[in-house]
Protein backbone atom coordinates (compact mmCIF):
# COMPACT_ATOMS: atom_id res chain seq x y z
CA UNK A 1 34.46 -36.27 36.55
CA UNK A 2 35.71 -32.91 35.35
CA UNK A 3 33.49 -29.83 35.98
CA UNK A 4 33.55 -26.86 33.60
CA UNK A 5 32.00 -23.58 34.67
CA UNK A 6 31.60 -20.18 32.92
CA UNK A 7 34.14 -17.56 34.01
CA UNK A 8 32.74 -14.69 36.01
CA UNK A 9 33.70 -12.14 33.41
CA UNK A 10 32.09 -14.11 30.62
CA UNK A 11 35.28 -14.27 28.52
CA UNK A 12 36.69 -17.60 29.49
CA UNK A 13 36.07 -20.70 31.64
CA UNK A 14 37.24 -22.18 34.92
CA UNK A 15 38.49 -25.83 34.57
CA UNK A 16 38.01 -27.73 37.97
CA UNK A 17 39.58 -31.15 38.35
CA UNK A 18 38.69 -33.74 41.02
CA UNK A 19 39.68 -32.79 44.63
CA UNK A 20 43.32 -33.70 45.65
CA UNK A 21 44.60 -33.41 42.07
CA UNK A 22 44.83 -29.69 41.88
CA UNK A 23 43.08 -26.90 40.08
CA UNK A 24 43.81 -25.15 36.80
CA UNK A 25 42.26 -21.72 36.66
CA UNK A 26 41.87 -18.94 34.10
CA UNK A 27 42.07 -21.24 31.15
CA UNK A 28 41.06 -18.91 28.21
CA UNK A 29 39.28 -20.30 25.25
CA UNK A 30 38.26 -18.69 21.96
CA UNK A 31 34.48 -18.39 21.55
CA UNK A 32 33.42 -18.33 17.90
CA UNK A 33 31.35 -15.27 16.89
CA UNK A 34 27.62 -15.62 16.30
CA UNK A 35 26.31 -16.78 12.96
CA UNK A 36 25.92 -13.89 10.37
CA UNK A 37 22.36 -12.31 10.42
CA UNK A 38 21.28 -13.70 7.12
CA UNK A 39 18.40 -12.23 5.07
CA UNK A 40 16.77 -13.38 1.80
CA UNK A 41 14.09 -11.42 -0.19
CA UNK A 42 13.16 -10.71 -3.74
CA UNK A 43 11.68 -7.98 -5.92
CA UNK A 44 8.67 -10.05 -7.10
CA UNK A 45 5.86 -10.95 -7.60
CA UNK A 46 6.63 -11.44 -11.24
CA UNK A 47 4.73 -11.88 -14.56
CA UNK A 48 5.71 -14.22 -17.32
CA UNK A 49 8.84 -12.91 -19.06
CA UNK A 50 9.70 -10.39 -16.23
CA UNK A 51 12.97 -10.92 -14.41
CA UNK A 52 13.04 -11.38 -10.61
CA UNK A 53 16.10 -10.52 -8.55
CA UNK A 54 16.91 -12.41 -5.37
CA UNK A 55 18.35 -10.23 -2.70
CA UNK A 56 20.81 -11.70 -0.14
CA UNK A 57 22.35 -10.21 2.97
CA UNK A 58 24.43 -9.25 4.75
CA UNK A 59 26.99 -7.65 2.48
CA UNK A 60 30.61 -8.61 2.62
CA UNK A 61 30.25 -12.39 3.10
CA UNK A 62 32.98 -14.73 2.01
CA UNK A 63 30.53 -16.71 -0.10
CA UNK A 64 26.90 -16.90 -1.16
CA UNK A 65 25.09 -19.89 -2.37
CA UNK A 66 21.45 -19.87 -3.64
CA UNK A 67 19.44 -22.88 -4.54
CA UNK A 68 15.83 -23.13 -5.75
CA UNK A 69 13.10 -24.86 -7.88
CA UNK A 70 14.04 -26.34 -11.27
CA UNK A 71 17.68 -26.89 -10.24
CA UNK A 72 18.45 -23.22 -9.86
CA UNK A 73 21.81 -22.46 -8.29
CA UNK A 74 23.95 -19.38 -8.04
CA UNK A 75 26.96 -18.04 -6.14
CA UNK A 76 26.06 -14.37 -6.64
CA UNK A 77 24.76 -12.28 -3.75
CA UNK A 78 21.90 -10.90 -5.75
CA UNK A 79 21.32 -13.19 -8.74
CA UNK A 80 18.56 -12.53 -11.39
CA UNK A 81 16.35 -15.56 -12.14
CA UNK A 82 16.50 -16.07 -15.94
CA UNK A 83 13.21 -17.94 -15.89
CA UNK A 84 10.90 -17.34 -12.89
CA UNK A 85 9.64 -20.42 -11.20
CA UNK A 86 7.29 -20.08 -8.25
CA UNK A 87 8.67 -21.56 -5.10
CA UNK A 88 11.11 -21.18 -2.14
CA UNK A 89 14.60 -20.14 -2.77
CA UNK A 90 17.28 -20.82 -0.02
CA UNK A 91 20.39 -18.89 0.64
CA UNK A 92 23.50 -20.04 2.50
CA UNK A 93 26.23 -17.57 3.49
CA UNK A 94 29.68 -18.02 4.99
CA UNK A 95 31.50 -15.28 6.61
CA UNK A 96 35.26 -14.66 7.18
CA UNK A 97 35.20 -16.77 10.36
CA UNK A 98 33.58 -19.75 8.49
CA UNK A 99 30.37 -19.18 10.37
CA UNK A 100 27.29 -20.05 8.42
CA UNK A 101 23.95 -18.29 8.05
CA UNK A 102 20.79 -19.48 6.26
CA UNK A 103 17.55 -17.88 5.09
CA UNK A 104 14.77 -18.38 2.59
CA UNK A 105 12.50 -16.34 0.40
CA UNK A 106 9.40 -17.30 -1.62
CA UNK A 107 9.02 -16.02 -5.23
CA UNK A 108 5.51 -15.70 -6.51
CA UNK A 109 4.29 -15.28 -10.09
CA UNK A 110 1.01 -13.64 -11.29
CA UNK A 111 -0.98 -16.02 -13.48
CA UNK A 112 -3.33 -14.86 -16.10
CA UNK A 113 -2.65 -11.14 -15.87
CA UNK A 114 0.51 -10.59 -17.91
CA UNK A 115 -0.01 -12.43 -21.20
CA UNK A 116 -0.51 -9.25 -23.01
CA UNK A 117 2.28 -6.67 -22.68
CA UNK A 118 0.59 -3.53 -21.34
CA UNK A 119 2.94 -0.84 -20.21
CA UNK A 120 0.92 2.47 -20.19
CA UNK A 121 3.59 4.43 -18.35
CA UNK A 122 6.47 3.24 -20.41
CA UNK A 123 8.44 1.98 -17.42
CA UNK A 124 9.45 -1.26 -19.15
CA UNK A 125 7.49 -3.36 -16.73
CA UNK A 126 4.03 -4.87 -17.32
CA UNK A 127 1.47 -2.71 -15.65
CA UNK A 128 -0.01 -5.63 -13.64
CA UNK A 129 3.37 -6.60 -12.40
CA UNK A 130 4.21 -2.98 -11.52
CA UNK A 131 1.07 -2.78 -9.43
CA UNK A 132 1.49 -6.10 -7.71
CA UNK A 133 4.98 -5.35 -6.70
CA UNK A 134 3.90 -1.93 -5.15
CA UNK A 135 5.96 0.06 -7.63
CA UNK A 136 2.72 1.72 -8.86
CA UNK A 137 -0.60 2.49 -7.15
CA UNK A 138 -3.94 1.41 -8.48
CA UNK A 139 -6.54 3.04 -6.27
CA UNK A 140 -9.64 1.69 -8.10
CA UNK A 141 -8.24 -1.84 -8.78
CA UNK A 142 -8.58 -1.78 -12.52
CA UNK A 143 -4.99 -2.92 -13.11
CA UNK A 144 -4.09 0.47 -14.65
CA UNK A 145 -1.45 2.50 -12.75
CA UNK A 146 -2.92 5.69 -11.34
CA UNK A 147 -0.33 7.70 -13.26
CA UNK A 148 -2.04 6.56 -16.46
CA UNK A 149 -5.54 7.64 -15.39
CA UNK A 150 -7.29 10.91 -16.00
CA UNK A 151 -6.74 12.98 -12.91
CA UNK A 152 -10.03 13.62 -11.08
CA UNK A 153 -12.07 11.06 -13.17
CA UNK A 154 -13.55 9.13 -10.28
CA UNK A 155 -16.31 7.38 -12.25
CA UNK A 156 -14.09 6.19 -15.06
CA UNK A 157 -15.96 7.81 -17.98
CA UNK A 158 -13.00 9.73 -19.27
CA UNK A 159 -14.04 13.19 -18.22
CA UNK A 160 -14.00 15.27 -15.07
CA UNK A 161 -17.40 16.72 -14.25
CA UNK A 162 -20.17 17.17 -11.65
CA UNK A 163 -20.61 13.37 -11.32
CA UNK A 164 -16.97 13.03 -10.26
CA UNK A 165 -17.35 16.01 -7.86
CA UNK A 166 -20.36 14.26 -6.36
CA UNK A 167 -18.33 11.15 -5.71
CA UNK A 168 -15.57 13.23 -4.15
CA UNK A 169 -17.99 14.91 -1.78
CA UNK A 170 -19.39 11.50 -0.77
CA UNK A 171 -15.89 10.63 0.50
CA UNK A 172 -15.15 13.93 1.96
CA UNK A 173 -14.37 13.78 5.63
CA UNK A 174 -14.25 9.97 5.51
CA UNK A 175 -11.32 8.19 7.04
CA UNK A 176 -9.78 4.88 5.79
CA UNK A 177 -12.08 2.00 6.74
CA UNK A 178 -15.32 4.17 6.70
CA UNK A 179 -17.97 3.02 4.33
CA UNK A 180 -17.71 5.86 1.90
CA UNK A 181 -13.96 6.32 1.98
CA UNK A 182 -12.52 6.28 -1.53
CA UNK A 183 -8.89 5.69 -1.87
CA UNK A 184 -8.76 7.52 -5.15
CA UNK A 185 -9.95 10.70 -3.45
CA UNK A 186 -7.19 10.72 -0.82
CA UNK A 187 -4.63 12.46 -2.94
CA UNK A 188 -2.14 13.06 -0.18
CA UNK A 189 -2.36 9.51 1.02
CA UNK A 190 -2.93 10.45 4.70
CA UNK A 191 -5.90 8.21 5.33
CA UNK A 192 -8.57 10.99 5.40
CA UNK A 193 -10.27 12.95 2.60
CA UNK A 194 -9.80 16.58 3.51
CA UNK A 195 -9.55 20.09 2.14
CA UNK A 196 -6.12 19.30 0.86
CA UNK A 197 -7.60 16.54 -1.24
CA UNK A 198 -10.32 18.89 -2.36
CA UNK A 199 -7.77 21.34 -3.60
CA UNK A 200 -6.12 18.48 -5.56
CA UNK A 201 -9.38 17.36 -7.16
CA UNK A 202 -10.38 20.93 -8.01
CA UNK A 203 -6.98 21.39 -9.70
CA UNK A 204 -7.69 18.21 -11.71
CA UNK A 205 -11.01 19.60 -12.77
CA UNK A 206 -9.61 22.93 -13.75
CA UNK A 207 -6.91 21.30 -15.76
CA UNK A 208 -9.46 19.19 -17.56
CA UNK A 209 -11.67 22.17 -18.44
CA UNK A 210 -8.75 24.32 -19.28
CA UNK A 211 -9.76 27.17 -16.85
CA UNK A 212 -7.35 27.83 -13.98
CA UNK A 213 -10.10 29.65 -11.99
CA UNK A 214 -13.09 27.49 -12.85
CA UNK A 215 -15.58 27.21 -9.89
CA UNK A 216 -16.82 23.89 -8.37
CA UNK A 217 -19.12 22.20 -10.98
CA UNK A 218 -22.25 22.55 -8.80
CA UNK A 219 -24.64 23.42 -11.63
CA UNK A 220 -25.03 19.83 -12.92
CA UNK A 221 -24.56 18.08 -9.61
CA UNK A 222 -27.61 16.08 -8.27
CA UNK A 223 -28.41 17.82 -4.98
CA UNK A 224 -29.46 15.36 -2.26
CA UNK A 225 -27.32 12.57 -3.62
CA UNK A 226 -24.83 12.27 -0.82
CA UNK A 227 -23.31 8.91 -1.69
CA UNK A 228 -22.82 9.83 -5.38
CA UNK A 229 -24.76 6.92 -6.87
CA UNK A 230 -26.83 9.25 -9.06
CA UNK A 231 -30.04 8.78 -7.17
CA UNK A 232 -31.63 10.33 -4.07
CA UNK A 233 -32.99 7.63 -1.80
CA UNK A 234 -33.33 6.52 1.82
CA UNK A 235 -29.49 6.01 2.10
CA UNK A 236 -29.13 9.65 1.28
CA UNK A 237 -31.79 10.54 3.78
CA UNK A 238 -29.67 8.95 6.48
CA UNK A 239 -26.97 11.44 5.71
CA UNK A 240 -29.44 14.20 5.45
CA UNK A 241 -30.45 13.50 9.02
CA UNK A 242 -26.87 13.59 10.23
CA UNK A 243 -26.22 16.82 8.34
CA UNK A 244 -29.31 18.54 9.59
CA UNK A 245 -28.55 17.73 13.21
CA UNK A 246 -25.41 19.93 13.34
CA UNK A 247 -22.95 17.95 11.22
CA UNK A 248 -19.49 17.05 12.49
CA UNK A 249 -16.91 19.56 11.36
CA UNK A 250 -15.17 17.17 8.93
CA UNK A 251 -18.51 16.53 7.07
CA UNK A 252 -19.80 20.09 7.06
CA UNK A 253 -18.33 21.17 3.70
CA UNK A 254 -19.98 18.12 1.97
CA UNK A 255 -23.25 18.55 3.88
CA UNK A 256 -23.69 22.10 2.79
CA UNK A 257 -22.99 21.39 -0.84
CA UNK A 258 -25.21 18.36 -1.01
CA UNK A 259 -28.22 19.49 1.28
CA UNK A 260 -28.26 23.20 1.55
CA UNK A 261 -30.70 23.55 -1.36
CA UNK A 262 -31.57 27.26 -0.62
CA UNK A 263 -27.93 28.13 0.01
CA UNK A 264 -28.58 30.00 3.23
CA UNK A 265 -25.62 28.23 5.09
CA UNK A 266 -27.79 25.93 7.15
CA UNK A 267 -29.76 22.73 6.61
CA UNK A 268 -33.33 23.08 7.91
CA UNK A 269 -36.97 22.47 7.18
CA UNK A 270 -36.81 24.44 3.98
CA UNK A 271 -33.97 22.19 2.73
CA UNK A 272 -35.95 19.10 3.89
CA UNK A 273 -38.89 20.19 1.74
CA UNK A 274 -36.54 20.64 -1.25
CA UNK A 275 -34.89 17.23 -0.50
CA UNK A 276 -38.34 15.59 -0.48
CA UNK A 277 -38.98 16.85 -3.89
CA UNK A 278 -35.62 15.69 -5.17
CA UNK A 279 -36.07 12.05 -3.95
CA UNK A 280 -35.90 9.67 -6.99
CA UNK A 281 -35.75 6.41 -5.14
CA UNK A 282 -33.10 3.79 -5.97
CA UNK A 283 -32.07 3.51 -9.64
């Protein structure tokens, strides 16, 4: 029997024949290159009537062949689906060495959200599709791109006022994942609501009231309502207890605005007395 072993330098093989016959050494062979690193993706999900483009890689292949649901077939590298059908689309590529690579991608559609054409930002794409694809943000989940919302209007009542400021303060100092974290208050998208975000909200408020030096809208804010739900109850008392016990630095700003009733830069028994009078109970 003939025995074939890998050459020591990894570039060829040694061919060893049975003893007594002789040996042929350094027989060089051509090793084919590896298959091309094939990728397949798409720019969906898509709504009814919205095109989806399939994206194939790598560039520079000798040929591309896509197949998919409904008899779809294309030899373009990045074909556009003329009629989107949910399902898996397969790509086969062949490179200059006739090596073959394969990959698949799944195209999704969004049912029930795109029957009416709603394009508030004039992008040419349905708002629901734009949000679903990640092209636009929708911090409050109302299927309206944030760019179309009134800046600073956190309660969705089409104005920017003390109620919105109260909601902002409830989220102040909170990090992503915390109970009171509000994605719509994290204007710089860094995962925490900080003074940078406060400056952004205050600018939204000033733009709304038309006064570039307008102070914070404290006069109509419900003191003691830490969580911004328009009542003062036991939940707020839990925050009062935290704030009165030397609040963490990240919450101090909100604590003082919510619970320092006498505005003497601390939260003490006098503020507790005022808080007790402000209690409304759940509403």
